[in-house]
C-alpha atoms as a PDB file:
ATOM      1  CA  MET A   1      95.619 143.608  75.826  1.00  0.00           C
ATOM      2  CA  GLY A   2      96.317 139.925  75.211  1.00  0.00           C
ATOM      3  CA  ALA A   3      98.784 139.065  78.357  1.00  0.00           C
ATOM      4  CA  ASP A   4      96.323 141.664  80.330  1.00  0.00           C
ATOM      5  CA  PHE A   5      93.478 139.130  79.186  1.00  0.00           C
ATOM      6  CA  LEU A   6      95.044 135.741  79.412  1.00  0.00           C
ATOM      7  CA  VAL A   7      95.752 135.829  83.115  1.00  0.00           C
ATOM      8  CA  PRO A   8      92.102 136.373  84.389  1.00  0.00           C
ATOM      9  CA  ALA A   9      90.719 133.765  81.350  1.00  0.00           C
ATOM     10  CA  ALA A  10      92.926 131.328  83.253  1.00  0.00           C
ATOM     11  CA  ALA A  11      91.841 132.079  86.493  1.00  0.00           C
ATOM     12  CA  VAL A  12      88.453 131.759  85.562  1.00  0.00           C
ATOM     13  CA  VAL A  13      89.529 128.187  83.622  1.00  0.00           C
ATOM     14  CA  LEU A  14      91.593 126.622  86.078  1.00  0.00           C
ATOM     15  CA  SER A  15      88.427 128.163  88.921  1.00  0.00           C
ATOM     16  CA  ALA A  16      85.891 126.222  87.257  1.00  0.00           C
ATOM     17  CA  VAL A  17      88.376 123.111  86.856  1.00  0.00           C
ATOM     18  CA  ILE A  18      88.799 123.074  90.781  1.00  0.00           C
ATOM     19  CA  SER A  19      84.928 123.867  91.431  1.00  0.00           C
ATOM     20  CA  ALA A  20      84.068 120.456  89.016  1.00  0.00           C
ATOM     21  CA  LEU A  21      86.775 118.599  90.615  1.00  0.00           C
ATOM     22  CA  VAL A  22      85.699 119.149  94.169  1.00  0.00           C
ATOM     23  CA  GLY A  23      82.233 118.971  93.587  1.00  0.00           C
ATOM     24  CA  TRP A  24      83.132 115.331  91.608  1.00  0.00           C
ATOM     25  CA  TRP A  25      84.966 114.522  95.013  1.00  0.00           C
ATOM     26  CA  VAL A  26      81.563 115.359  97.479  1.00  0.00           C
ATOM     27  CA  ALA A  27      79.423 113.461  94.741  1.00  0.00           C
ATOM     28  CA  GLN A  28      81.831 110.739  95.292  1.00  0.00           C
ATOM     29  CA  ARG A  29      82.045 110.858  99.459  1.00  0.00           C
ATOM     30  CA  GLN A  30      78.164 111.037  99.432  1.00  0.00           C
ATOM     31  CA  ILE A  31      77.763 108.087  97.348  1.00  0.00           C
ATOM     32  CA  LEU A  32      80.463 106.580  99.235  1.00  0.00           C
ATOM     33  CA  LEU A  33      78.386 107.572 102.935  1.00  0.00           C
ATOM     34  CA  ALA A  34      74.979 106.475 101.457  1.00  0.00           C
ATOM     35  CA  GLU A  35      76.076 103.033 100.234  1.00  0.00           C
ATOM     36  CA  ARG A  36      77.781 102.535 103.868  1.00  0.00           C
ATOM     37  CA  SER A  37      74.983 103.772 105.430  1.00  0.00           C
ATOM     38  CA  ASN A  38      72.714 100.874 103.306  1.00  0.00           C
ATOM     39  CA  HIS A  39      75.312  98.496 104.277  1.00  0.00           C
ATOM     40  CA  LEU A  40      75.117  98.995 107.747  1.00  0.00           C
ATOM     41  CA  ALA A  41      71.253  98.982 108.080  1.00  0.00           C
ATOM     42  CA  ALA A  42      70.908  96.047 106.077  1.00  0.00           C
ATOM     43  CA  ALA A  43      73.213  94.230 108.685  1.00  0.00           C
ATOM     44  CA  ASP A  44      71.315  96.112 111.335  1.00  0.00           C
ATOM     45  CA  LYS A  45      68.364  94.243 110.267  1.00  0.00           C
ATOM     46  CA  ILE A  46      69.428  90.989 109.499  1.00  0.00           C
ATOM     47  CA  ALA A  47      71.142  90.935 113.014  1.00  0.00           C
ATOM     48  CA  GLY A  48      67.982  91.718 114.377  1.00  0.00           C
ATOM     49  CA  PHE A  49      66.191  88.992 112.672  1.00  0.00           C
ATOM     50  CA  ARG A  50      68.914  86.662 114.230  1.00  0.00           C
ATOM     51  CA  GLN A  51      68.454  88.094 117.373  1.00  0.00           C
ATOM     52  CA  ALA A  52      64.601  87.281 117.294  1.00  0.00           C
ATOM     53  CA  TRP A  53      65.453  83.935 115.961  1.00  0.00           C
ATOM     54  CA  ILE A  54      67.449  83.322 118.908  1.00  0.00           C
ATOM     55  CA  ASN A  55      65.479  84.031 121.189  1.00  0.00           C
ATOM     56  CA  ASP A  56      62.701  82.369 119.462  1.00  0.00           C
ATOM     57  CA  LEU A  57      64.921  79.072 120.056  1.00  0.00           C
ATOM     58  CA  ARG A  58      65.967  79.583 123.244  1.00  0.00           C
ATOM     59  CA  GLU A  59      62.104  80.295 124.068  1.00  0.00           C
ATOM     60  CA  ALA A  60      60.799  77.225 122.450  1.00  0.00           C
ATOM     61  CA  ILE A  61      63.665  74.865 123.807  1.00  0.00           C
ATOM     62  CA  SER A  62      63.103  75.754 127.851  1.00  0.00           C
ATOM     63  CA  GLU A  63      59.077  75.358 127.089  1.00  0.00           C
ATOM     64  CA  PHE A  64      59.814  71.847 125.375  1.00  0.00           C
ATOM     65  CA  GLN A  65      61.734  70.398 128.156  1.00  0.00           C
ATOM     66  CA  SER A  66      59.387  72.060 130.821  1.00  0.00           C
ATOM     67  CA  VAL A  67      56.282  70.690 129.412  1.00  0.00           C
ATOM     68  CA  ALA A  68      58.288  67.290 128.803  1.00  0.00           C
ATOM     69  CA  THR A  69      59.656  66.684 132.098  1.00  0.00           C
ATOM     70  CA  VAL A  70      56.606  67.024 134.178  1.00  0.00           C
ATOM     71  CA  VAL A  71      53.978  64.416 133.104  1.00  0.00           C
ATOM     72  CA  GLY A  72      50.730  65.753 132.013  1.00  0.00           C
ATOM     73  CA  ASP A  73      47.474  65.044 129.976  1.00  0.00           C
ATOM     74  CA  VAL A  74      47.216  65.030 125.955  1.00  0.00           C
ATOM     75  CA  ARG A  75      47.299  68.517 125.680  1.00  0.00           C
ATOM     76  CA  SER A  76      51.183  68.302 127.233  1.00  0.00           C
ATOM     77  CA  ASP A  77      51.556  65.749 124.403  1.00  0.00           C
ATOM     78  CA  GLU A  78      50.291  68.148 121.618  1.00  0.00           C
ATOM     79  CA  ARG A  79      52.723  70.877 123.194  1.00  0.00           C
ATOM     80  CA  ILE A  80      55.410  68.373 123.415  1.00  0.00           C
ATOM     81  CA  TYR A  81      54.987  67.357 119.118  1.00  0.00           C
ATOM     82  CA  ARG A  82      54.499  70.927 118.735  1.00  0.00           C
ATOM     83  CA  LEU A  83      57.533  72.047 120.183  1.00  0.00           C
ATOM     84  CA  GLY A  84      59.980  69.407 119.056  1.00  0.00           C
ATOM     85  CA  THR A  85      58.862  70.332 115.344  1.00  0.00           C
ATOM     86  CA  LYS A  86      59.198  73.732 116.141  1.00  0.00           C
ATOM     87  CA  ILE A  87      62.747  73.411 117.247  1.00  0.00           C
ATOM     88  CA  GLU A  88      63.613  71.056 114.400  1.00  0.00           C
ATOM     89  CA  LEU A  89      62.112  73.420 111.394  1.00  0.00           C
ATOM     90  CA  MET A  90      64.392  76.487 113.035  1.00  0.00           C
ATOM     91  CA  MET A  91      67.603  74.359 113.163  1.00  0.00           C
ATOM     92  CA  ASN A  92      69.727  74.428 110.143  1.00  0.00           C
ATOM     93  CA  THR A  93      70.132  70.462 109.372  1.00  0.00           C
ATOM     94  CA  GLU A  94      74.102  71.325 108.224  1.00  0.00           C
ATOM     95  CA  ASP A  95      74.775  72.732 112.457  1.00  0.00           C
ATOM     96  CA  PRO A  96      77.232  70.208 114.079  1.00  0.00           C
ATOM     97  CA  ASP A  97      74.992  70.282 116.793  1.00  0.00           C
ATOM     98  CA  TYR A  98      71.875  69.008 115.151  1.00  0.00           C
ATOM     99  CA  LEU A  99      71.654  65.811 115.778  1.00  0.00           C
ATOM    100  CA  GLU A 100      72.734  65.783 119.105  1.00  0.00           C
ATOM    101  CA  LEU A 101      69.760  68.140 120.092  1.00  0.00           C
ATOM    102  CA  VAL A 102      67.030  65.930 117.205  1.00  0.00           C
ATOM    103  CA  ASN A 103      68.602  63.266 119.900  1.00  0.00           C
ATOM    104  CA  CYS A 104      68.284  65.131 122.942  1.00  0.00           C
ATOM    105  CA  LEU A 105      64.611  65.658 121.932  1.00  0.00           C
ATOM    106  CA  TYR A 106      63.603  62.344 121.137  1.00  0.00           C
ATOM    107  CA  ASN A 107      64.892  61.095 124.114  1.00  0.00           C
ATOM    108  CA  TYR A 108      61.911  62.901 125.726  1.00  0.00           C
ATOM    109  CA  LEU A 109      59.316  60.927 123.741  1.00  0.00           C
ATOM    110  CA  ASP A 110      58.727  58.122 125.572  1.00  0.00           C
ATOM    111  CA  TYR A 111      58.234  60.516 129.031  1.00  0.00           C
ATOM    112  CA  LYS A 112      55.192  58.684 130.201  1.00  0.00           C
ATOM    113  CA  ASN A 113      56.805  55.291 130.405  1.00  0.00           C
ATOM    114  CA  LEU A 114      59.705  57.312 132.728  1.00  0.00           C
ATOM    115  CA  THR A 115      59.856  58.160 136.302  1.00  0.00           C
ATOM    116  CA  ILE A 116      60.710  61.614 136.653  1.00  0.00           C
ATOM    117  CA  GLU A 117      64.356  60.530 137.907  1.00  0.00           C
ATOM    118  CA  GLU A 118      64.682  59.255 134.313  1.00  0.00           C
ATOM    119  CA  ARG A 119      63.013  62.241 132.629  1.00  0.00           C
ATOM    120  CA  TRP A 120      65.192  64.796 134.826  1.00  0.00           C
ATOM    121  CA  GLN A 121      68.879  63.259 133.378  1.00  0.00           C
ATOM    122  CA  PHE A 122      67.298  64.413 129.255  1.00  0.00           C
ATOM    123  CA  ASN A 123      67.771  67.833 131.379  1.00  0.00           C
ATOM    124  CA  ALA A 124      71.528  68.007 131.240  1.00  0.00           C
ATOM    125  CA  PRO A 125      72.447  66.686 127.858  1.00  0.00           C
ATOM    126  CA  LEU A 126      69.535  69.372 126.144  1.00  0.00           C
ATOM    127  CA  VAL A 127      70.953  72.333 127.832  1.00  0.00           C
ATOM    128  CA  SER A 128      74.267  71.732 126.934  1.00  0.00           C
ATOM    129  CA  VAL A 129      73.746  71.089 123.258  1.00  0.00           C
ATOM    130  CA  SER A 130      71.497  74.073 123.204  1.00  0.00           C
ATOM    131  CA  GLN A 131      73.884  76.352 124.741  1.00  0.00           C
ATOM    132  CA  ARG A 132      76.181  75.314 122.495  1.00  0.00           C
ATOM    133  CA  ILE A 133      74.220  76.564 119.797  1.00  0.00           C
ATOM    134  CA  LEU A 134      73.000  79.381 121.400  1.00  0.00           C
ATOM    135  CA  LYS A 135      75.993  81.003 122.492  1.00  0.00           C
ATOM    136  CA  ARG A 136      77.462  80.038 118.398  1.00  0.00           C
ATOM    137  CA  GLU A 137      74.882  81.526 116.843  1.00  0.00           C
ATOM    138  CA  TRP A 138      75.506  84.727 120.045  1.00  0.00           C
ATOM    139  CA  GLU A 139      78.869  84.787 118.596  1.00  0.00           C
ATOM    140  CA  ARG A 140      78.012  84.726 114.507  1.00  0.00           C
ATOM    141  CA  LEU A 141      75.614  87.576 115.692  1.00  0.00           C
ATOM    142  CA  LYS A 142      78.440  89.599 117.071  1.00  0.00           C
ATOM    143  CA  ALA A 143      80.536  89.012 114.417  1.00  0.00           C
ATOM    144  CA  ASP A 144      78.507  89.730 111.367  1.00  0.00           C
ATOM    145  CA  LEU A 145      77.710  93.212 113.540  1.00  0.00           C
ATOM    146  CA  ASN A 146      81.449  93.687 113.918  1.00  0.00           C
ATOM    147  CA  ALA A 147      82.674  93.215 110.336  1.00  0.00           C
ATOM    148  CA  ALA A 148      79.529  95.752 109.197  1.00  0.00           C
ATOM    149  CA  ALA A 149      80.980  98.779 111.674  1.00  0.00           C
ATOM    150  CA  LYS A 150      84.626  97.880 110.418  1.00  0.00           C
ATOM    151  CA  SER A 151      83.947  97.706 106.642  1.00  0.00           C
ATOM    152  CA  ASN A 152      81.497 101.067 107.023  1.00  0.00           C
ATOM    153  CA  ARG A 153      84.319 103.087 108.871  1.00  0.00           C
ATOM    154  CA  MET A 154      85.430 105.654 107.162  1.00  0.00           C
ATOM    155  CA  SER A 155      88.829 105.992 105.838  1.00  0.00           C
ATOM    156  CA  ARG A 156      90.268 109.451 106.285  1.00  0.00           C
ATOM    157  CA  SER A 157      89.534 112.053 103.357  1.00  0.00           C
ATOM    158  CA  TRP A 158      92.302 111.463 101.056  1.00  0.00           C
ATOM    159  CA  PRO A 159      92.123 110.409  97.613  1.00  0.00           C
ATOM    160  CA  LYS A 160      93.252 106.386  97.447  1.00  0.00           C
ATOM    161  CA  TRP A 161      96.440 107.857  94.655  1.00  0.00           C
ATOM    162  CA  TRP A 162      97.488 110.346  97.998  1.00  0.00           C
ATOM    163  CA  ASN A 163     100.465 108.752 100.276  1.00  0.00           C
ATOM    164  CA  LYS A 164      98.864 109.840 103.718  1.00  0.00           C
ATOM    165  CA  ASP A 165     101.836 109.821 105.551  1.00  0.00           C
ATOM    166  CA  ALA A 166     103.972 111.638 103.146  1.00  0.00           C
ATOM    167  CA  ARG A 167     101.065 113.999 101.826  1.00  0.00           C
ATOM    168  CA  LEU A 168     103.147 113.858  98.710  1.00  0.00           C
ATOM    169  CA  PRO A 169     101.701 111.788  95.904  1.00  0.00           C
ATOM    170  CA  VAL A 170     102.208 108.082  95.057  1.00  0.00           C
ATOM    171  CA  SER A 171     104.755 107.811  92.509  1.00  0.00           C
ATOM    172  CA  GLN A 172     103.527 105.218  89.882  1.00  0.00           C
END
């Protein structure tokens, strides 16, 4: 009677151990999925903020250029200074093109004493430096999203200690 009892008892214990291991493995996978989902959501949120910043900077630069190129009234002066200050505040002072951008903005400050042809000469340098800055930030945005996507790709469901190719345990 002892041997007859031992086999079913061992089967019950083995079944319980296997169930516990499967439950643990499923829980670990769910935690991993949740962490990856949170990471991707955070990267997406940051990307949204960066895209809004890029759009806002582009709009401020284009408005600054259009107001500063065409001589207007006192309200134009106020808009030029407001937009120029906004652009400077939006920029990182450590950006490699920051000083060139600021110099381009300051070229327009004496716009009332310049002819329209003289003011137009400031357009190309401002557009050029702005395009470099915006392109660099766009590339950074894409790189950040690509990195987030790569880090969130699920590996196969085999445990790390398992050799996925041979399907045999890796020797220690």
